[in-house]
């Protein structure tokens, strides 16, 4: 059924959109796991309607510090200097 000339059901996203989302997901997956975890946690809290409690802010700081002290950070720097693909371990 048409309403105002528009289809009654939503069409599937174009293939280019699916390809772009797959490429973004792969790019995120290729990053070091600790910073990705920190980012996901913070984003999920930010998307909530409530203010971020102080204890969560402290958790974010601890997560950030853990990621900053990780082997993966050193690997990322070395990867950049050597212009090679990173091998992140999540440690």
C-alpha atoms as a PDB file:
ATOM      1  CA  UNK A   1       0.000   0.000   0.000  1.00  0.00           C
ATOM      2  CA  UNK A   2       1.262   3.453  -0.854  1.00  0.00           C
ATOM      3  CA  UNK A   3       0.850   6.519   1.282  1.00  0.00           C
ATOM      4  CA  UNK A   4       1.768   9.823  -0.275  1.00  0.00           C
ATOM      5  CA  UNK A   5       3.666   7.964  -3.005  1.00  0.00           C
ATOM      6  CA  UNK A   6       5.991   6.143  -0.565  1.00  0.00           C
ATOM      7  CA  UNK A   7       6.135   2.362  -0.209  1.00  0.00           C
ATOM      8  CA  UNK A   8       4.360   0.957   2.847  1.00  0.00           C
ATOM      9  CA  UNK A   9       7.419  -1.000   3.962  1.00  0.00           C
ATOM     10  CA  UNK A  10      10.980   0.165   4.363  1.00  0.00           C
ATOM     11  CA  UNK A  11      13.266  -1.158   1.645  1.00  0.00           C
ATOM     12  CA  UNK A  12      16.502  -2.934   2.499  1.00  0.00           C
ATOM     13  CA  UNK A  13      19.496  -0.625   2.831  1.00  0.00           C
ATOM     14  CA  UNK A  14      21.496  -0.217  -0.363  1.00  0.00           C
ATOM     15  CA  UNK A  15      24.433  -2.546  -0.813  1.00  0.00           C
ATOM     16  CA  UNK A  16      26.815   0.424  -0.553  1.00  0.00           C
ATOM     17  CA  UNK A  17      25.492   1.156   2.958  1.00  0.00           C
ATOM     18  CA  UNK A  18      25.992  -2.462   4.002  1.00  0.00           C
ATOM     19  CA  UNK A  19      29.494  -2.461   2.536  1.00  0.00           C
ATOM     20  CA  UNK A  20      30.326   0.760   4.373  1.00  0.00           C
ATOM     21  CA  UNK A  21      29.036  -0.616   7.681  1.00  0.00           C
ATOM     22  CA  UNK A  22      30.985  -3.851   7.176  1.00  0.00           C
ATOM     23  CA  UNK A  23      34.139  -1.839   6.432  1.00  0.00           C
ATOM     24  CA  UNK A  24      33.639   0.273   9.564  1.00  0.00           C
ATOM     25  CA  UNK A  25      33.044  -2.827  11.700  1.00  0.00           C
ATOM     26  CA  UNK A  26      36.240  -4.393  10.330  1.00  0.00           C
ATOM     27  CA  UNK A  27      38.203  -1.197  10.998  1.00  0.00           C
ATOM     28  CA  UNK A  28      36.969  -1.136  14.606  1.00  0.00           C
ATOM     29  CA  UNK A  29      37.685  -4.855  15.046  1.00  0.00           C
ATOM     30  CA  UNK A  30      41.276  -4.328  13.859  1.00  0.00           C
ATOM     31  CA  UNK A  31      41.951  -1.820  16.647  1.00  0.00           C
ATOM     32  CA  UNK A  32      43.441  -2.718  20.009  1.00  0.00           C
ATOM     33  CA  UNK A  33      40.703  -4.343  22.142  1.00  0.00           C
ATOM     34  CA  UNK A  34      41.248  -2.369  25.370  1.00  0.00           C
ATOM     35  CA  UNK A  35      40.626   1.099  23.889  1.00  0.00           C
ATOM     36  CA  UNK A  36      37.649  -0.259  21.924  1.00  0.00           C
ATOM     37  CA  UNK A  37      36.195  -1.620  25.182  1.00  0.00           C
ATOM     38  CA  UNK A  38      36.734   1.736  26.903  1.00  0.00           C
ATOM     39  CA  UNK A  39      35.083   3.595  24.019  1.00  0.00           C
ATOM     40  CA  UNK A  40      32.096   1.224  23.945  1.00  0.00           C
ATOM     41  CA  UNK A  41      31.578   1.535  27.692  1.00  0.00           C
ATOM     42  CA  UNK A  42      31.726   5.322  27.604  1.00  0.00           C
ATOM     43  CA  UNK A  43      29.451   5.579  24.553  1.00  0.00           C
ATOM     44  CA  UNK A  44      26.865   3.289  26.136  1.00  0.00           C
ATOM     45  CA  UNK A  45      26.832   5.461  29.257  1.00  0.00           C
ATOM     46  CA  UNK A  46      26.667   8.690  27.272  1.00  0.00           C
ATOM     47  CA  UNK A  47      23.677   7.406  25.308  1.00  0.00           C
ATOM     48  CA  UNK A  48      21.761   6.915  28.550  1.00  0.00           C
ATOM     49  CA  UNK A  49      19.421   9.599  29.835  1.00  0.00           C
ATOM     50  CA  UNK A  50      21.011   9.858  33.281  1.00  0.00           C
ATOM     51  CA  UNK A  51      24.152  11.789  34.232  1.00  0.00           C
ATOM     52  CA  UNK A  52      27.279   9.668  34.515  1.00  0.00           C
ATOM     53  CA  UNK A  53      27.871   8.904  38.220  1.00  0.00           C
ATOM     54  CA  UNK A  54      31.261   9.743  39.729  1.00  0.00           C
ATOM     55  CA  UNK A  55      32.093   6.053  40.295  1.00  0.00           C
ATOM     56  CA  UNK A  56      31.590   5.395  36.573  1.00  0.00           C
ATOM     57  CA  UNK A  57      33.865   8.315  35.738  1.00  0.00           C
ATOM     58  CA  UNK A  58      36.472   6.727  38.000  1.00  0.00           C
ATOM     59  CA  UNK A  59      35.942   3.396  36.205  1.00  0.00           C
ATOM     60  CA  UNK A  60      36.503   5.120  32.850  1.00  0.00           C
ATOM     61  CA  UNK A  61      39.720   6.645  34.162  1.00  0.00           C
ATOM     62  CA  UNK A  62      40.982   3.244  35.369  1.00  0.00           C
ATOM     63  CA  UNK A  63      40.052   1.640  32.025  1.00  0.00           C
ATOM     64  CA  UNK A  64      41.836   4.448  30.156  1.00  0.00           C
ATOM     65  CA  UNK A  65      44.933   4.067  32.337  1.00  0.00           C
ATOM     66  CA  UNK A  66      44.976   0.302  31.779  1.00  0.00           C
ATOM     67  CA  UNK A  67      44.752   0.788  28.019  1.00  0.00           C
ATOM     68  CA  UNK A  68      47.472   3.470  28.106  1.00  0.00           C
ATOM     69  CA  UNK A  69      49.840   1.141  29.998  1.00  0.00           C
ATOM     70  CA  UNK A  70      49.149  -1.854  27.768  1.00  0.00           C
ATOM     71  CA  UNK A  71      51.411  -3.798  25.450  1.00  0.00           C
ATOM     72  CA  UNK A  72      48.929  -2.930  22.698  1.00  0.00           C
ATOM     73  CA  UNK A  73      49.777   0.772  22.999  1.00  0.00           C
ATOM     74  CA  UNK A  74      53.457  -0.004  22.507  1.00  0.00           C
ATOM     75  CA  UNK A  75      52.560  -2.325  19.625  1.00  0.00           C
ATOM     76  CA  UNK A  76      50.492   0.436  17.999  1.00  0.00           C
ATOM     77  CA  UNK A  77      53.362   2.900  18.205  1.00  0.00           C
ATOM     78  CA  UNK A  78      55.866   0.381  16.853  1.00  0.00           C
ATOM     79  CA  UNK A  79      53.458  -0.589  14.078  1.00  0.00           C
ATOM     80  CA  UNK A  80      53.216   3.054  13.027  1.00  0.00           C
ATOM     81  CA  UNK A  81      56.990   3.506  13.032  1.00  0.00           C
ATOM     82  CA  UNK A  82      57.575   0.282  11.082  1.00  0.00           C
ATOM     83  CA  UNK A  83      54.620   0.848   8.730  1.00  0.00           C
ATOM     84  CA  UNK A  84      53.233  -2.653   9.284  1.00  0.00           C
ATOM     85  CA  UNK A  85      50.004  -4.298  10.379  1.00  0.00           C
ATOM     86  CA  UNK A  86      49.500  -4.407  14.143  1.00  0.00           C
ATOM     87  CA  UNK A  87      49.191  -7.612  16.156  1.00  0.00           C
ATOM     88  CA  UNK A  88      47.107  -6.608  19.155  1.00  0.00           C
ATOM     89  CA  UNK A  89      46.688  -9.069  22.027  1.00  0.00           C
ATOM     90  CA  UNK A  90      44.389  -7.240  24.418  1.00  0.00           C
ATOM     91  CA  UNK A  91      47.146  -7.051  27.056  1.00  0.00           C
END
